Amino acid sequence: MNAHQRFFEELRTAREAKGMTLEDISRATLIDLKYLTAIEEAREDVLPAAYLRAFIREYATTIGLDPAVVMNQYDQTSPSVAGTGSSAHTTETTQPAPLAGEPHRAWWTNRVALLTAMSAGIVCIIAIVLYFSRSFGPSPVREIPFSTAVSENERRVFPGDTAKAAPSSAPVASGDSLLLSATSTDSVWMELSIDGTPPNDYLFPPNIRRHWKAKEKFTITLGNGGGINFRLNTTEIGTLGKRGGVVRNYELNRRSLTSPTAGRATP
């Protein structure tokens, strides 16, 4: 096992020492489980190149490591980029001076001199090709902030549920007397059922606003009860639980309009 592979092995050991599972990290960071598995198995080819460093940094932060130290270790153990040139060992050969009276022969008739010249020409051509391939090749991979990675991951998993909410003052449609507005302050997973219909899942990074309409009630389950604030019509509900705590089947209905604490959660 080389130093680079050992780096990823030490990440896995640190996670296990914290008593955390990959599922715990996935819920906390919203990173797909297959990418977390690839990190621990040092399979960097599986990870999106633009997100690689962001995913490793968030992994380290979640298990309590210093991300700056971890990224420095990653950079130090990464295989160095091969240079475009190579140092060639050249052996100088000295041809004996022609004997007196011996006719002078052109250099290209000398087998050793000819082979040496051909080799030098090939090296020059390779160097030129490598230079222009680096100069006009594809642009280097741009590192994307983790918040952008989460947003794109959300669009991939739930393509129909990622638009930011319209202003909360939007009129309620005819027949829908309840308008639920939500503003995330942290990364949050939410499951929402409207009027008893099958629930939909949502993944929110911080600072996302959404709203939904219902006739009778909303039933909410949260993976981070303190990471999102709610308002029902014009009544401020606030958060439904503590930051990092799980809230299951919390119901907001007409009674919540006059009593914000009237909602109830079931085990």
C-alpha atoms as a PDB file:
ATOM      1  CA  MET A   1       0.000   0.000   0.000  1.00  0.00           C
ATOM      2  CA  ASN A   2       1.496   3.336  -1.067  1.00  0.00           C
ATOM      3  CA  ALA A   3       1.220   6.631   0.856  1.00  0.00           C
ATOM      4  CA  HIS A   4      -1.744   7.850  -1.208  1.00  0.00           C
ATOM      5  CA  GLN A   5      -3.764   4.688  -0.546  1.00  0.00           C
ATOM      6  CA  ARG A   6      -2.789   4.840   3.118  1.00  0.00           C
ATOM      7  CA  PHE A   7      -4.254   8.389   3.273  1.00  0.00           C
ATOM      8  CA  PHE A   8      -7.737   7.087   2.382  1.00  0.00           C
ATOM      9  CA  GLU A   9      -7.334   4.103   4.727  1.00  0.00           C
ATOM     10  CA  GLU A  10      -6.612   6.516   7.599  1.00  0.00           C
ATOM     11  CA  LEU A  11      -9.818   8.440   6.788  1.00  0.00           C
ATOM     12  CA  ARG A  12     -11.810   5.230   7.158  1.00  0.00           C
ATOM     13  CA  THR A  13     -10.036   4.411  10.446  1.00  0.00           C
ATOM     14  CA  ALA A  14     -10.814   7.899  11.800  1.00  0.00           C
ATOM     15  CA  ARG A  15     -14.488   7.490  10.887  1.00  0.00           C
ATOM     16  CA  GLU A  16     -14.754   4.131  12.615  1.00  0.00           C
ATOM     17  CA  ALA A  17     -13.045   5.569  15.698  1.00  0.00           C
ATOM     18  CA  LYS A  18     -15.837   8.168  15.853  1.00  0.00           C
ATOM     19  CA  GLY A  19     -18.443   5.411  15.728  1.00  0.00           C
ATOM     20  CA  MET A  20     -19.948   6.836  12.517  1.00  0.00           C
ATOM     21  CA  THR A  21     -21.197   4.968   9.455  1.00  0.00           C
ATOM     22  CA  LEU A  22     -21.032   6.079   5.846  1.00  0.00           C
ATOM     23  CA  GLU A  23     -24.809   6.484   6.003  1.00  0.00           C
ATOM     24  CA  ASP A  24     -24.349   8.981   8.862  1.00  0.00           C
ATOM     25  CA  ILE A  25     -21.938  11.033   6.741  1.00  0.00           C
ATOM     26  CA  SER A  26     -24.234  10.831   3.706  1.00  0.00           C
ATOM     27  CA  ARG A  27     -27.182  12.172   5.711  1.00  0.00           C
ATOM     28  CA  ALA A  28     -25.082  14.985   7.194  1.00  0.00           C
ATOM     29  CA  THR A  29     -23.394  16.091   3.938  1.00  0.00           C
ATOM     30  CA  LEU A  30     -25.941  14.974   1.285  1.00  0.00           C
ATOM     31  CA  ILE A  31     -23.072  13.275  -0.591  1.00  0.00           C
ATOM     32  CA  ASP A  32     -24.142  10.147  -2.481  1.00  0.00           C
ATOM     33  CA  LEU A  33     -23.197   6.971  -0.579  1.00  0.00           C
ATOM     34  CA  LYS A  34     -21.367   5.509  -3.584  1.00  0.00           C
ATOM     35  CA  TYR A  35     -18.998   8.510  -3.624  1.00  0.00           C
ATOM     36  CA  LEU A  36     -18.234   8.128   0.101  1.00  0.00           C
ATOM     37  CA  THR A  37     -17.491   4.443  -0.472  1.00  0.00           C
ATOM     38  CA  ALA A  38     -15.180   5.362  -3.367  1.00  0.00           C
ATOM     39  CA  ILE A  39     -13.278   7.791  -1.105  1.00  0.00           C
ATOM     40  CA  GLU A  40     -12.539   5.106   1.477  1.00  0.00           C
ATOM     41  CA  GLU A  41     -11.524   2.644  -1.240  1.00  0.00           C
ATOM     42  CA  ALA A  42      -9.201   5.223  -2.896  1.00  0.00           C
ATOM     43  CA  ARG A  43     -11.146   4.859  -6.152  1.00  0.00           C
ATOM     44  CA  GLU A  44     -10.751   8.469  -7.284  1.00  0.00           C
ATOM     45  CA  ASP A  45     -11.752   7.570 -10.843  1.00  0.00           C
ATOM     46  CA  VAL A  46     -15.332   6.997  -9.599  1.00  0.00           C
ATOM     47  CA  LEU A  47     -15.584  10.491  -8.074  1.00  0.00           C
ATOM     48  CA  PRO A  48     -16.607  13.511 -10.195  1.00  0.00           C
ATOM     49  CA  ALA A  49     -13.320  15.319 -10.817  1.00  0.00           C
ATOM     50  CA  ALA A  50     -14.831  18.755 -10.130  1.00  0.00           C
ATOM     51  CA  TYR A  51     -16.186  17.645  -6.720  1.00  0.00           C
ATOM     52  CA  LEU A  52     -13.305  15.401  -5.569  1.00  0.00           C
ATOM     53  CA  ARG A  53     -11.628  17.859  -3.195  1.00  0.00           C
ATOM     54  CA  ALA A  54     -14.951  19.270  -1.928  1.00  0.00           C
ATOM     55  CA  PHE A  55     -16.201  15.766  -1.054  1.00  0.00           C
ATOM     56  CA  ILE A  56     -12.974  14.828   0.775  1.00  0.00           C
ATOM     57  CA  ARG A  57     -13.041  18.134   2.700  1.00  0.00           C
ATOM     58  CA  GLU A  58     -16.676  17.643   3.807  1.00  0.00           C
ATOM     59  CA  TYR A  59     -15.974  14.005   4.754  1.00  0.00           C
ATOM     60  CA  ALA A  60     -13.088  15.146   6.983  1.00  0.00           C
ATOM     61  CA  THR A  61     -15.110  17.959   8.579  1.00  0.00           C
ATOM     62  CA  THR A  62     -18.036  15.657   9.368  1.00  0.00           C
ATOM     63  CA  ILE A  63     -15.865  13.129  11.237  1.00  0.00           C
ATOM     64  CA  GLY A  64     -14.209  15.903  13.250  1.00  0.00           C
ATOM     65  CA  LEU A  65     -10.873  16.271  11.445  1.00  0.00           C
ATOM     66  CA  ASP A  66      -9.239  19.573  10.512  1.00  0.00           C
ATOM     67  CA  PRO A  67     -10.049  19.939   6.785  1.00  0.00           C
ATOM     68  CA  ALA A  68      -7.000  22.137   6.116  1.00  0.00           C
ATOM     69  CA  VAL A  69      -4.661  19.492   7.572  1.00  0.00           C
ATOM     70  CA  VAL A  70      -6.429  16.675   5.712  1.00  0.00           C
ATOM     71  CA  MET A  71      -6.288  18.460   2.344  1.00  0.00           C
ATOM     72  CA  ASN A  72      -2.588  19.223   2.886  1.00  0.00           C
ATOM     73  CA  GLN A  73      -1.961  15.511   3.520  1.00  0.00           C
ATOM     74  CA  TYR A  74      -3.961  14.647   0.406  1.00  0.00           C
ATOM     75  CA  ASP A  75      -1.881  17.017  -1.740  1.00  0.00           C
ATOM     76  CA  GLN A  76       1.385  15.677  -0.306  1.00  0.00           C
ATOM     77  CA  THR A  77       0.485  12.036  -0.995  1.00  0.00           C
ATOM     78  CA  SER A  78      -1.039  12.585  -4.469  1.00  0.00           C
ATOM     79  CA  PRO A  79       1.110  11.157  -7.258  1.00  0.00           C
ATOM     80  CA  SER A  80       3.189  13.958  -8.797  1.00  0.00           C
ATOM     81  CA  VAL A  81       2.445  14.980 -12.364  1.00  0.00           C
ATOM     82  CA  ALA A  82       4.972  13.566 -14.738  1.00  0.00           C
ATOM     83  CA  GLY A  83       7.174  16.145 -16.433  1.00  0.00           C
ATOM     84  CA  THR A  84       7.205  16.650 -20.141  1.00  0.00           C
ATOM     85  CA  GLY A  85      10.937  16.258 -20.546  1.00  0.00           C
ATOM     86  CA  SER A  86      13.472  13.687 -19.462  1.00  0.00           C
ATOM     87  CA  SER A  87      17.186  13.907 -18.819  1.00  0.00           C
ATOM     88  CA  ALA A  88      18.999  11.904 -21.406  1.00  0.00           C
ATOM     89  CA  HIS A  89      22.381  10.465 -20.636  1.00  0.00           C
ATOM     90  CA  THR A  90      24.582  11.376 -23.537  1.00  0.00           C
ATOM     91  CA  THR A  91      27.860   9.675 -24.244  1.00  0.00           C
ATOM     92  CA  GLU A  92      30.273  11.724 -26.243  1.00  0.00           C
ATOM     93  CA  THR A  93      32.178   9.686 -28.813  1.00  0.00           C
ATOM     94  CA  THR A  94      35.334  10.925 -30.337  1.00  0.00           C
ATOM     95  CA  GLN A  95      36.129   9.714 -33.780  1.00  0.00           C
ATOM     96  CA  PRO A  96      39.803   9.153 -34.557  1.00  0.00           C
ATOM     97  CA  ALA A  97      41.320  11.676 -36.908  1.00  0.00           C
ATOM     98  CA  PRO A  98      41.613  10.364 -40.443  1.00  0.00           C
ATOM     99  CA  LEU A  99      44.990   9.008 -41.349  1.00  0.00           C
ATOM    100  CA  ALA A 100      47.147  11.066 -43.578  1.00  0.00           C
ATOM    101  CA  GLY A 101      46.189  10.464 -47.124  1.00  0.00           C
ATOM    102  CA  GLU A 102      42.801   8.877 -46.153  1.00  0.00           C
ATOM    103  CA  PRO A 103      39.918  10.691 -47.867  1.00  0.00           C
ATOM    104  CA  HIS A 104      37.538  12.618 -45.494  1.00  0.00           C
ATOM    105  CA  ARG A 105      34.079  10.980 -45.180  1.00  0.00           C
ATOM    106  CA  ALA A 106      30.875  12.989 -44.608  1.00  0.00           C
ATOM    107  CA  TRP A 107      29.347  12.572 -41.117  1.00  0.00           C
ATOM    108  CA  TRP A 108      26.158  10.971 -42.412  1.00  0.00           C
ATOM    109  CA  THR A 109      28.189   8.064 -43.754  1.00  0.00           C
ATOM    110  CA  ASN A 110      29.259   7.297 -40.170  1.00  0.00           C
ATOM    111  CA  ARG A 111      26.746   4.806 -38.686  1.00  0.00           C
ATOM    112  CA  VAL A 112      27.174   5.957 -35.069  1.00  0.00           C
ATOM    113  CA  ALA A 113      26.894   9.670 -35.932  1.00  0.00           C
ATOM    114  CA  LEU A 114      23.801   9.025 -38.058  1.00  0.00           C
ATOM    115  CA  LEU A 115      22.005   7.079 -35.307  1.00  0.00           C
ATOM    116  CA  THR A 116      22.887   9.781 -32.744  1.00  0.00           C
ATOM    117  CA  ALA A 117      21.465  12.529 -34.987  1.00  0.00           C
ATOM    118  CA  MET A 118      18.266  10.551 -35.621  1.00  0.00           C
ATOM    119  CA  SER A 119      17.743   9.946 -31.886  1.00  0.00           C
ATOM    120  CA  ALA A 120      18.227  13.646 -31.100  1.00  0.00           C
ATOM    121  CA  GLY A 121      15.697  14.563 -33.793  1.00  0.00           C
ATOM    122  CA  ILE A 122      13.086  12.138 -32.379  1.00  0.00           C
ATOM    123  CA  VAL A 123      13.563  13.550 -28.851  1.00  0.00           C
ATOM    124  CA  CYS A 124      13.049  17.092 -30.194  1.00  0.00           C
ATOM    125  CA  ILE A 125       9.845  16.109 -32.007  1.00  0.00           C
ATOM    126  CA  ILE A 126       8.417  14.445 -28.882  1.00  0.00           C
ATOM    127  CA  ALA A 127       9.273  17.510 -26.778  1.00  0.00           C
ATOM    128  CA  ILE A 128       7.523  19.817 -29.270  1.00  0.00           C
ATOM    129  CA  VAL A 129       4.386  17.634 -29.368  1.00  0.00           C
ATOM    130  CA  LEU A 130       4.187  17.517 -25.564  1.00  0.00           C
ATOM    131  CA  TYR A 131       4.666  21.294 -25.324  1.00  0.00           C
ATOM    132  CA  PHE A 132       1.802  22.085 -27.691  1.00  0.00           C
ATOM    133  CA  SER A 133      -0.480  19.422 -26.172  1.00  0.00           C
ATOM    134  CA  ARG A 134      -0.040  21.115 -22.781  1.00  0.00           C
ATOM    135  CA  SER A 135      -0.447  24.621 -24.214  1.00  0.00           C
ATOM    136  CA  PHE A 136      -3.630  23.921 -26.154  1.00  0.00           C
ATOM    137  CA  GLY A 137      -5.029  20.930 -24.274  1.00  0.00           C
ATOM    138  CA  PRO A 138      -8.221  20.915 -22.156  1.00  0.00           C
ATOM    139  CA  SER A 139      -8.450  23.411 -19.317  1.00  0.00           C
ATOM    140  CA  PRO A 140      -7.600  22.105 -15.846  1.00  0.00           C
ATOM    141  CA  VAL A 141     -10.462  20.816 -13.716  1.00  0.00           C
ATOM    142  CA  ARG A 142     -12.158  23.621 -11.784  1.00  0.00           C
ATOM    143  CA  GLU A 143     -12.870  22.873  -8.153  1.00  0.00           C
ATOM    144  CA  ILE A 144     -16.559  23.546  -7.377  1.00  0.00           C
ATOM    145  CA  PRO A 145     -17.729  24.720  -3.919  1.00  0.00           C
ATOM    146  CA  PHE A 146     -19.481  22.091  -1.842  1.00  0.00           C
ATOM    147  CA  SER A 147     -22.755  24.054  -1.757  1.00  0.00           C
ATOM    148  CA  THR A 148     -22.848  23.914  -5.558  1.00  0.00           C
ATOM    149  CA  ALA A 149     -22.160  20.178  -5.465  1.00  0.00           C
ATOM    150  CA  VAL A 150     -25.080  19.675  -3.068  1.00  0.00           C
ATOM    151  CA  SER A 151     -27.392  21.716  -5.297  1.00  0.00           C
ATOM    152  CA  GLU A 152     -26.451  19.709  -8.378  1.00  0.00           C
ATOM    153  CA  ASN A 153     -26.781  16.446  -6.472  1.00  0.00           C
ATOM    154  CA  GLU A 154     -30.255  17.583  -5.348  1.00  0.00           C
ATOM    155  CA  ARG A 155     -31.279  18.322  -8.931  1.00  0.00           C
ATOM    156  CA  ARG A 156     -30.046  14.879  -9.978  1.00  0.00           C
ATOM    157  CA  VAL A 157     -31.968  13.002  -7.273  1.00  0.00           C
ATOM    158  CA  PHE A 158     -35.129  15.137  -7.227  1.00  0.00           C
ATOM    159  CA  PRO A 159     -35.240  16.976 -10.587  1.00  0.00           C
ATOM    160  CA  GLY A 160     -38.771  18.285 -10.046  1.00  0.00           C
ATOM    161  CA  ASP A 161     -38.339  19.619  -6.508  1.00  0.00           C
ATOM    162  CA  THR A 162     -35.370  21.957  -6.563  1.00  0.00           C
ATOM    163  CA  ALA A 163     -36.681  25.362  -7.642  1.00  0.00           C
ATOM    164  CA  LYS A 164     -36.495  28.099  -5.046  1.00  0.00           C
ATOM    165  CA  ALA A 165     -39.792  29.110  -3.575  1.00  0.00           C
ATOM    166  CA  ALA A 166     -41.857  31.979  -4.815  1.00  0.00           C
ATOM    167  CA  PRO A 167     -42.385  34.804  -2.278  1.00  0.00           C
ATOM    168  CA  SER A 168     -44.415  33.641   0.692  1.00  0.00           C
ATOM    169  CA  SER A 169     -47.044  36.280  -0.036  1.00  0.00           C
ATOM    170  CA  ALA A 170     -48.189  34.365  -3.130  1.00  0.00           C
ATOM    171  CA  PRO A 171     -51.989  33.900  -3.105  1.00  0.00           C
ATOM    172  CA  VAL A 172     -53.402  30.544  -2.065  1.00  0.00           C
ATOM    173  CA  ALA A 173     -55.130  28.721  -4.900  1.00  0.00           C
ATOM    174  CA  SER A 174     -58.863  28.310  -4.754  1.00  0.00           C
ATOM    175  CA  GLY A 175     -59.745  25.381  -2.493  1.00  0.00           C
ATOM    176  CA  ASP A 176     -56.269  25.291  -0.890  1.00  0.00           C
ATOM    177  CA  SER A 177     -56.654  27.179   2.372  1.00  0.00           C
ATOM    178  CA  LEU A 178     -53.218  26.368   3.833  1.00  0.00           C
ATOM    179  CA  LEU A 179     -49.900  27.721   2.544  1.00  0.00           C
ATOM    180  CA  LEU A 180     -46.740  26.276   4.112  1.00  0.00           C
ATOM    181  CA  SER A 181     -43.507  28.231   3.616  1.00  0.00           C
ATOM    182  CA  ALA A 182     -40.059  26.920   4.613  1.00  0.00           C
ATOM    183  CA  THR A 183     -36.602  28.514   4.780  1.00  0.00           C
ATOM    184  CA  SER A 184     -33.558  26.297   5.423  1.00  0.00           C
ATOM    185  CA  THR A 185     -30.729  27.548   7.664  1.00  0.00           C
ATOM    186  CA  ASP A 186     -28.696  24.319   7.462  1.00  0.00           C
ATOM    187  CA  SER A 187     -28.472  21.175   5.326  1.00  0.00           C
ATOM    188  CA  VAL A 188     -31.792  19.363   5.803  1.00  0.00           C
ATOM    189  CA  TRP A 189     -33.487  16.206   4.577  1.00  0.00           C
ATOM    190  CA  MET A 190     -37.282  16.457   4.657  1.00  0.00           C
ATOM    191  CA  GLU A 191     -40.205  14.165   3.889  1.00  0.00           C
ATOM    192  CA  LEU A 192     -43.531  15.916   3.266  1.00  0.00           C
ATOM    193  CA  SER A 193     -47.045  14.525   2.857  1.00  0.00           C
ATOM    194  CA  ILE A 194     -49.856  16.871   1.757  1.00  0.00           C
ATOM    195  CA  ASP A 195     -53.415  15.988   2.821  1.00  0.00           C
ATOM    196  CA  GLY A 196     -52.412  12.375   3.426  1.00  0.00           C
ATOM    197  CA  THR A 197     -50.932  11.792  -0.028  1.00  0.00           C
ATOM    198  CA  PRO A 198     -47.763   9.677  -0.406  1.00  0.00           C
ATOM    199  CA  PRO A 199     -44.804  11.743   0.860  1.00  0.00           C
ATOM    200  CA  ASN A 200     -42.107  13.371  -1.259  1.00  0.00           C
ATOM    201  CA  ASP A 201     -38.440  13.618  -0.259  1.00  0.00           C
ATOM    202  CA  TYR A 202     -36.438  16.864  -0.372  1.00  0.00           C
ATOM    203  CA  LEU A 203     -32.746  17.702   0.113  1.00  0.00           C
ATOM    204  CA  PHE A 204     -32.066  21.327   1.093  1.00  0.00           C
ATOM    205  CA  PRO A 205     -28.689  23.069   1.423  1.00  0.00           C
ATOM    206  CA  PRO A 206     -28.757  26.248   3.547  1.00  0.00           C
ATOM    207  CA  ASN A 207     -30.680  29.368   2.421  1.00  0.00           C
ATOM    208  CA  ILE A 208     -33.310  27.650   0.267  1.00  0.00           C
ATOM    209  CA  ARG A 209     -36.971  28.764   0.368  1.00  0.00           C
ATOM    210  CA  ARG A 210     -39.955  26.618  -0.677  1.00  0.00           C
ATOM    211  CA  HIS A 211     -43.723  26.678  -0.290  1.00  0.00           C
ATOM    212  CA  TRP A 212     -46.557  24.151  -0.668  1.00  0.00           C
ATOM    213  CA  LYS A 213     -50.389  24.312  -0.625  1.00  0.00           C
ATOM    214  CA  ALA A 214     -52.880  22.018   1.091  1.00  0.00           C
ATOM    215  CA  LYS A 215     -56.560  21.879   1.991  1.00  0.00           C
ATOM    216  CA  GLU A 216     -56.359  20.244   5.408  1.00  0.00           C
ATOM    217  CA  LYS A 217     -52.873  19.394   6.681  1.00  0.00           C
ATOM    218  CA  PHE A 218     -49.162  18.832   6.154  1.00  0.00           C
ATOM    219  CA  THR A 219     -47.255  15.889   7.706  1.00  0.00           C
ATOM    220  CA  ILE A 220     -43.510  16.507   8.042  1.00  0.00           C
ATOM    221  CA  THR A 221     -40.495  14.323   8.891  1.00  0.00           C
ATOM    222  CA  LEU A 222     -37.056  15.963   9.249  1.00  0.00           C
ATOM    223  CA  GLY A 223     -33.496  14.672   9.562  1.00  0.00           C
ATOM    224  CA  ASN A 224     -32.383  17.957  11.138  1.00  0.00           C
ATOM    225  CA  GLY A 225     -35.261  19.425  13.152  1.00  0.00           C
ATOM    226  CA  GLY A 226     -33.540  22.718  13.890  1.00  0.00           C
ATOM    227  CA  GLY A 227     -32.251  23.373  10.379  1.00  0.00           C
ATOM    228  CA  ILE A 228     -35.412  24.790   8.786  1.00  0.00           C
ATOM    229  CA  ASN A 229     -38.042  27.402   9.763  1.00  0.00           C
ATOM    230  CA  PHE A 230     -41.735  27.132   8.836  1.00  0.00           C
ATOM    231  CA  ARG A 231     -44.612  29.571   8.426  1.00  0.00           C
ATOM    232  CA  LEU A 232     -48.237  28.507   7.928  1.00  0.00           C
ATOM    233  CA  ASN A 233     -50.143  31.217   6.045  1.00  0.00           C
ATOM    234  CA  THR A 234     -49.167  34.281   8.147  1.00  0.00           C
ATOM    235  CA  THR A 235     -48.428  32.348  11.369  1.00  0.00           C
ATOM    236  CA  GLU A 236     -44.772  31.880  12.261  1.00  0.00           C
ATOM    237  CA  ILE A 237     -44.233  28.257  13.325  1.00  0.00           C
ATOM    238  CA  GLY A 238     -40.411  28.364  13.590  1.00  0.00           C
ATOM    239  CA  THR A 239     -38.391  25.144  13.844  1.00  0.00           C
ATOM    240  CA  LEU A 240     -40.001  21.806  14.693  1.00  0.00           C
ATOM    241  CA  GLY A 241     -37.113  20.388  16.720  1.00  0.00           C
ATOM    242  CA  LYS A 242     -33.520  20.722  17.789  1.00  0.00           C
ATOM    243  CA  ARG A 243     -30.577  21.114  15.433  1.00  0.00           C
ATOM    244  CA  GLY A 244     -29.374  17.671  14.425  1.00  0.00           C
ATOM    245  CA  GLY A 245     -32.450  15.998  15.938  1.00  0.00           C
ATOM    246  CA  VAL A 246     -34.913  13.807  14.023  1.00  0.00           C
ATOM    247  CA  VAL A 247     -38.599  14.856  13.884  1.00  0.00           C
ATOM    248  CA  ARG A 248     -41.111  12.274  12.698  1.00  0.00           C
ATOM    249  CA  ASN A 249     -44.639  12.817  11.340  1.00  0.00           C
ATOM    250  CA  TYR A 250     -45.138  16.348  12.684  1.00  0.00           C
ATOM    251  CA  GLU A 251     -48.589  17.556  11.615  1.00  0.00           C
ATOM    252  CA  LEU A 252     -49.441  21.167  10.773  1.00  0.00           C
ATOM    253  CA  ASN A 253     -53.146  21.848  10.223  1.00  0.00           C
ATOM    254  CA  ARG A 254     -55.814  24.546  10.691  1.00  0.00           C
ATOM    255  CA  ARG A 255     -55.370  24.517  14.472  1.00  0.00           C
ATOM    256  CA  SER A 256     -51.743  25.542  13.929  1.00  0.00           C
ATOM    257  CA  LEU A 257     -52.944  28.909  12.541  1.00  0.00           C
ATOM    258  CA  THR A 258     -54.130  29.986  15.989  1.00  0.00           C
ATOM    259  CA  SER A 259     -51.744  27.875  18.070  1.00  0.00           C
ATOM    260  CA  PRO A 260     -48.280  27.391  16.501  1.00  0.00           C
ATOM    261  CA  THR A 261     -47.513  24.615  19.005  1.00  0.00           C
ATOM    262  CA  ALA A 262     -50.652  22.668  18.168  1.00  0.00           C
ATOM    263  CA  GLY A 263     -48.740  20.452  15.735  1.00  0.00           C
ATOM    264  CA  ARG A 264     -48.000  16.973  16.943  1.00  0.00           C
ATOM    265  CA  ALA A 265     -45.311  14.436  16.111  1.00  0.00           C
ATOM    266  CA  THR A 266     -45.746  10.667  16.294  1.00  0.00           C
ATOM    267  CA  PRO A 267     -42.973   8.141  16.970  1.00  0.00           C
END
